[in-house]
Amino acid sequence: MSRDNEPVPGKWYEDLEEEESFRVLKVDEDAELIEIEHLDGEIEEVDLETWHEMDLEPTQEPEGWAESDEEEEEEEEEEDEDEDDEDWDEDDDDEDDEDDWDEDEKDERAEY
């Protein structure tokens, strides 16, 4: 029934049969799983086949809906991890330079 409504992370949908609204959190195309969050905060995984069997309609974000503090913290942590990864790459380059220096020093000692 919802073949016209492909799951899009961050978008809200209403399950007309259950009369419930939810938003899509993640879509794992490889595993064919869709992670959704209901208004009560319950998180559920739905397989793609089940998604297409649901009677869905896109809807607006419910009034008064706000992301929980936990979700905001997770997003901030992911941003921090990305920054840390960049720093790690720079540190790795520095270590390579030190290794080169050690080899140069060994070569000099061998000449004496």
N, C-alpha and C. Protein backbone atom coordinates (compact mmCIF):
# COMPACT_ATOMS: atom_id res chain seq x y z
N MET A 1 0.81 -1.19 0.00
CA MET A 1 0.00 0.00 0.00
C MET A 1 0.85 1.26 0.00
N SER A 2 1.99 1.24 0.69
CA SER A 2 2.79 2.45 0.79
C SER A 2 3.95 2.45 -0.19
N ARG A 3 3.79 1.79 -1.28
CA ARG A 3 4.87 1.73 -2.27
C ARG A 3 5.23 3.12 -2.77
N ASP A 4 4.28 4.05 -2.70
CA ASP A 4 4.54 5.42 -3.13
C ASP A 4 5.28 6.20 -2.05
N ASN A 5 5.28 5.71 -0.83
CA ASN A 5 5.89 6.42 0.30
C ASN A 5 7.15 5.70 0.76
N GLU A 6 8.24 6.00 0.10
CA GLU A 6 9.51 5.40 0.49
C GLU A 6 9.96 6.01 1.83
N PRO A 7 10.60 5.22 2.69
CA PRO A 7 11.04 5.73 3.99
C PRO A 7 12.18 6.74 3.83
N VAL A 8 12.03 7.89 4.46
CA VAL A 8 13.05 8.93 4.40
C VAL A 8 13.39 9.32 5.84
N PRO A 9 14.67 9.17 6.24
CA PRO A 9 15.05 9.53 7.60
C PRO A 9 14.68 10.99 7.92
N GLY A 10 14.09 11.15 9.11
CA GLY A 10 13.69 12.48 9.57
C GLY A 10 12.27 12.86 9.19
N LYS A 11 11.64 12.10 8.30
CA LYS A 11 10.27 12.40 7.86
C LYS A 11 9.27 11.68 8.75
N TRP A 12 8.09 12.29 8.88
CA TRP A 12 7.00 11.75 9.68
C TRP A 12 5.96 11.09 8.77
N TYR A 13 5.39 10.00 9.29
CA TYR A 13 4.36 9.26 8.56
C TYR A 13 3.25 8.91 9.54
N GLU A 14 2.05 8.76 9.00
CA GLU A 14 0.94 8.29 9.80
C GLU A 14 0.52 6.93 9.29
N ASP A 15 0.44 5.99 10.20
CA ASP A 15 -0.07 4.66 9.88
C ASP A 15 -1.59 4.77 9.99
N LEU A 16 -2.28 4.84 8.85
CA LEU A 16 -3.72 5.07 8.84
C LEU A 16 -4.51 3.94 9.48
N GLU A 17 -3.99 2.73 9.36
CA GLU A 17 -4.67 1.57 9.95
C GLU A 17 -4.61 1.62 11.48
N GLU A 18 -3.44 1.96 12.01
CA GLU A 18 -3.25 2.00 13.46
C GLU A 18 -3.55 3.38 14.06
N GLU A 19 -3.71 4.37 13.18
CA GLU A 19 -3.94 5.76 13.59
C GLU A 19 -2.83 6.25 14.52
N GLU A 20 -1.59 5.97 14.11
CA GLU A 20 -0.42 6.38 14.88
C GLU A 20 0.56 7.09 13.96
N SER A 21 1.23 8.09 14.54
CA SER A 21 2.28 8.79 13.79
C SER A 21 3.63 8.34 14.29
N PHE A 22 4.60 8.36 13.41
CA PHE A 22 5.97 8.01 13.76
C PHE A 22 6.91 8.70 12.79
N ARG A 23 8.17 8.73 13.16
CA ARG A 23 9.17 9.27 12.24
C ARG A 23 10.22 8.21 11.95
N VAL A 24 10.80 8.32 10.79
CA VAL A 24 11.85 7.39 10.38
C VAL A 24 13.17 7.90 10.94
N LEU A 25 13.89 7.05 11.64
CA LEU A 25 15.20 7.41 12.18
C LEU A 25 16.32 7.03 11.22
N LYS A 26 16.30 5.78 10.76
CA LYS A 26 17.35 5.27 9.88
C LYS A 26 16.77 4.32 8.85
N VAL A 27 17.43 4.26 7.72
CA VAL A 27 17.08 3.27 6.70
C VAL A 27 18.36 2.52 6.36
N ASP A 28 18.36 1.22 6.64
CA ASP A 28 19.50 0.36 6.31
C ASP A 28 19.12 -0.42 5.06
N GLU A 29 19.58 0.09 3.92
CA GLU A 29 19.20 -0.53 2.65
C GLU A 29 19.80 -1.92 2.50
N ASP A 30 20.99 -2.14 3.04
CA ASP A 30 21.63 -3.45 2.92
C ASP A 30 20.83 -4.52 3.67
N ALA A 31 20.43 -4.20 4.89
CA ALA A 31 19.67 -5.15 5.71
C ALA A 31 18.17 -5.06 5.45
N GLU A 32 17.75 -4.07 4.64
CA GLU A 32 16.35 -3.83 4.34
C GLU A 32 15.54 -3.62 5.61
N LEU A 33 16.09 -2.79 6.52
CA LEU A 33 15.42 -2.47 7.78
C LEU A 33 15.22 -0.97 7.90
N ILE A 34 14.12 -0.58 8.51
CA ILE A 34 13.80 0.81 8.76
C ILE A 34 13.59 0.97 10.25
N GLU A 35 14.33 1.89 10.86
CA GLU A 35 14.18 2.15 12.28
C GLU A 35 13.24 3.34 12.43
N ILE A 36 12.14 3.13 13.20
CA ILE A 36 11.16 4.20 13.38
C ILE A 36 10.99 4.51 14.86
N GLU A 37 10.54 5.73 15.15
CA GLU A 37 10.27 6.13 16.53
C GLU A 37 8.84 6.60 16.62
N HIS A 38 8.11 5.98 17.55
CA HIS A 38 6.71 6.34 17.79
C HIS A 38 6.65 7.57 18.69
N LEU A 39 5.48 8.18 18.79
CA LEU A 39 5.30 9.37 19.61
C LEU A 39 5.64 9.15 21.07
N ASP A 40 5.43 7.93 21.55
CA ASP A 40 5.72 7.63 22.96
C ASP A 40 7.21 7.37 23.20
N GLY A 41 8.02 7.49 22.15
CA GLY A 41 9.47 7.30 22.29
C GLY A 41 9.93 5.90 21.99
N GLU A 42 8.98 4.98 21.81
CA GLU A 42 9.35 3.59 21.50
C GLU A 42 10.01 3.53 20.12
N ILE A 43 11.13 2.82 20.06
CA ILE A 43 11.84 2.65 18.81
C ILE A 43 11.64 1.23 18.32
N GLU A 44 11.37 1.10 17.04
CA GLU A 44 11.04 -0.20 16.46
C GLU A 44 11.73 -0.33 15.10
N GLU A 45 12.11 -1.56 14.77
CA GLU A 45 12.64 -1.83 13.43
C GLU A 45 11.58 -2.55 12.61
N VAL A 46 11.42 -2.08 11.38
CA VAL A 46 10.43 -2.66 10.48
C VAL A 46 11.17 -3.07 9.22
N ASP A 47 10.89 -4.28 8.74
CA ASP A 47 11.55 -4.68 7.49
C ASP A 47 10.85 -4.01 6.31
N LEU A 48 11.53 -3.93 5.21
CA LEU A 48 11.05 -3.22 4.04
C LEU A 48 9.72 -3.79 3.52
N GLU A 49 9.59 -5.10 3.58
CA GLU A 49 8.35 -5.74 3.12
C GLU A 49 7.17 -5.28 3.97
N THR A 50 7.35 -5.24 5.29
CA THR A 50 6.30 -4.78 6.19
C THR A 50 5.97 -3.32 5.92
N TRP A 51 7.00 -2.51 5.69
CA TRP A 51 6.80 -1.09 5.38
C TRP A 51 5.85 -0.93 4.19
N HIS A 52 6.11 -1.69 3.16
CA HIS A 52 5.29 -1.57 1.94
C HIS A 52 3.87 -2.10 2.13
N GLU A 53 3.65 -2.93 3.14
CA GLU A 53 2.31 -3.44 3.42
C GLU A 53 1.50 -2.47 4.26
N MET A 54 2.17 -1.51 4.91
CA MET A 54 1.50 -0.57 5.80
C MET A 54 0.75 0.48 4.97
N ASP A 55 -0.38 0.95 5.52
CA ASP A 55 -1.17 2.01 4.89
C ASP A 55 -0.67 3.34 5.47
N LEU A 56 0.31 3.94 4.79
CA LEU A 56 1.00 5.12 5.30
C LEU A 56 0.68 6.36 4.50
N GLU A 57 0.78 7.46 5.19
CA GLU A 57 0.62 8.75 4.54
C GLU A 57 1.62 9.71 5.19
N PRO A 58 2.36 10.46 4.39
CA PRO A 58 3.28 11.45 4.98
C PRO A 58 2.48 12.46 5.81
N THR A 59 3.07 12.91 6.90
CA THR A 59 2.40 13.86 7.77
C THR A 59 3.41 14.87 8.30
N GLN A 60 2.93 15.86 8.97
CA GLN A 60 3.79 16.88 9.57
C GLN A 60 4.25 16.43 10.95
N GLU A 61 5.36 17.02 11.39
CA GLU A 61 5.84 16.75 12.74
C GLU A 61 4.76 17.19 13.73
N PRO A 62 4.42 16.35 14.71
CA PRO A 62 3.37 16.70 15.67
C PRO A 62 3.75 17.95 16.48
N GLU A 63 2.75 18.73 16.82
CA GLU A 63 2.99 19.92 17.65
C GLU A 63 3.56 19.50 18.99
N GLY A 64 4.50 20.29 19.46
CA GLY A 64 5.10 20.02 20.77
C GLY A 64 6.14 18.93 20.75
N TRP A 65 6.39 18.33 19.60
CA TRP A 65 7.39 17.27 19.51
C TRP A 65 8.77 17.90 19.58
N ALA A 66 9.61 17.34 20.41
CA ALA A 66 11.00 17.78 20.48
C ALA A 66 11.85 16.55 20.69
N GLU A 67 13.04 16.58 20.07
CA GLU A 67 13.95 15.45 20.26
C GLU A 67 14.32 15.37 21.73
N SER A 68 14.50 14.16 22.19
CA SER A 68 14.90 13.99 23.58
C SER A 68 16.34 14.45 23.75
N ASP A 69 16.71 14.80 24.98
CA ASP A 69 18.08 15.23 25.27
C ASP A 69 19.07 14.15 24.89
N GLU A 70 18.69 12.89 25.08
CA GLU A 70 19.58 11.77 24.77
C GLU A 70 19.95 11.76 23.29
N GLU A 71 18.96 11.98 22.43
CA GLU A 71 19.24 11.99 20.99
C GLU A 71 20.15 13.14 20.61
N GLU A 72 19.93 14.32 21.22
CA GLU A 72 20.76 15.47 20.93
C GLU A 72 22.20 15.21 21.37
N GLU A 73 22.35 14.55 22.54
CA GLU A 73 23.69 14.22 23.03
C GLU A 73 24.38 13.24 22.09
N GLU A 74 23.64 12.25 21.58
CA GLU A 74 24.22 11.28 20.65
C GLU A 74 24.71 11.97 19.39
N GLU A 75 23.93 12.93 18.88
CA GLU A 75 24.33 13.66 17.68
C GLU A 75 25.61 14.46 17.95
N GLU A 76 25.68 15.11 19.13
CA GLU A 76 26.87 15.88 19.48
C GLU A 76 28.09 14.96 19.60
N GLU A 77 27.90 13.78 20.20
CA GLU A 77 29.00 12.83 20.35
C GLU A 77 29.51 12.38 18.98
N GLU A 78 28.59 12.14 18.04
CA GLU A 78 29.00 11.73 16.69
C GLU A 78 29.82 12.83 16.04
N GLU A 79 29.43 14.10 16.23
CA GLU A 79 30.20 15.22 15.67
C GLU A 79 31.58 15.26 16.29
N ASP A 80 31.65 15.06 17.62
CA ASP A 80 32.94 15.06 18.31
C ASP A 80 33.82 13.93 17.80
N GLU A 81 33.24 12.75 17.58
CA GLU A 81 34.01 11.61 17.09
C GLU A 81 34.59 11.91 15.72
N ASP A 82 33.80 12.57 14.88
CA ASP A 82 34.30 12.94 13.56
C ASP A 82 35.50 13.86 13.67
N GLU A 83 35.44 14.82 14.59
CA GLU A 83 36.56 15.74 14.80
C GLU A 83 37.77 14.98 15.33
N ASP A 84 37.54 14.02 16.25
CA ASP A 84 38.63 13.24 16.82
C ASP A 84 39.31 12.41 15.73
N ASP A 85 38.51 11.87 14.81
CA ASP A 85 39.08 11.08 13.72
C ASP A 85 40.03 11.93 12.88
N GLU A 86 39.65 13.18 12.63
CA GLU A 86 40.51 14.07 11.85
C GLU A 86 41.82 14.31 12.60
N ASP A 87 41.74 14.53 13.92
CA ASP A 87 42.94 14.76 14.72
C ASP A 87 43.82 13.53 14.71
N TRP A 88 43.20 12.35 14.77
CA TRP A 88 43.96 11.11 14.81
C TRP A 88 44.80 10.97 13.56
N ASP A 89 44.21 11.32 12.42
CA ASP A 89 44.94 11.23 11.16
C ASP A 89 46.18 12.11 11.19
N GLU A 90 46.04 13.31 11.76
CA GLU A 90 47.18 14.22 11.84
C GLU A 90 48.26 13.65 12.74
N ASP A 91 47.83 13.07 13.89
CA ASP A 91 48.80 12.49 14.81
C ASP A 91 49.55 11.34 14.15
N ASP A 92 48.85 10.57 13.35
CA ASP A 92 49.46 9.44 12.67
C ASP A 92 50.57 9.92 11.74
N ASP A 93 50.34 11.03 11.06
CA ASP A 93 51.36 11.59 10.18
C ASP A 93 52.59 12.00 10.97
N ASP A 94 52.39 12.57 12.17
CA ASP A 94 53.51 13.00 13.01
C ASP A 94 54.36 11.80 13.41
N GLU A 95 53.70 10.68 13.71
CA GLU A 95 54.44 9.49 14.12
C GLU A 95 55.32 9.00 12.98
N ASP A 96 54.83 9.09 11.77
CA ASP A 96 55.62 8.68 10.61
C ASP A 96 56.88 9.54 10.51
N ASP A 97 56.74 10.84 10.77
CA ASP A 97 57.88 11.74 10.72
C ASP A 97 58.92 11.35 11.76
N GLU A 98 58.44 10.97 12.96
CA GLU A 98 59.36 10.58 14.02
C GLU A 98 60.12 9.31 13.64
N ASP A 99 59.41 8.37 13.00
CA ASP A 99 60.06 7.14 12.58
C ASP A 99 61.17 7.44 11.57
N ASP A 100 60.92 8.37 10.65
CA ASP A 100 61.93 8.76 9.68
C ASP A 100 63.14 9.34 10.38
N TRP A 101 62.93 10.15 11.41
CA TRP A 101 64.01 10.79 12.14
C TRP A 101 64.87 9.72 12.81
N ASP A 102 64.20 8.72 13.42
CA ASP A 102 64.94 7.65 14.08
C ASP A 102 65.82 6.91 13.08
N GLU A 103 65.32 6.66 11.89
CA GLU A 103 66.10 5.95 10.87
C GLU A 103 67.30 6.79 10.44
N ASP A 104 67.11 8.11 10.29
CA ASP A 104 68.22 9.00 9.93
C ASP A 104 69.30 8.97 11.00
N GLU A 105 68.87 8.97 12.27
CA GLU A 105 69.83 8.95 13.38
C GLU A 105 70.61 7.64 13.37
N LYS A 106 69.94 6.52 13.09
CA LYS A 106 70.62 5.23 13.04
C LYS A 106 71.66 5.22 11.91
N ASP A 107 71.31 5.80 10.75
CA ASP A 107 72.23 5.86 9.62
C ASP A 107 73.47 6.64 9.99
N GLU A 108 73.31 7.77 10.71
CA GLU A 108 74.45 8.58 11.11
C GLU A 108 75.36 7.80 12.05
N ARG A 109 74.75 7.05 13.00
CA ARG A 109 75.55 6.28 13.95
C ARG A 109 76.36 5.22 13.23
N ALA A 110 75.78 4.62 12.21
CA ALA A 110 76.43 3.55 11.48
C ALA A 110 77.67 4.07 10.74
N GLU A 111 77.67 5.33 10.37
CA GLU A 111 78.81 5.91 9.64
C GLU A 111 80.03 6.07 10.54
N TYR A 112 79.82 6.24 11.82
CA TYR A 112 80.96 6.50 12.74
C TYR A 112 81.70 5.28 13.06
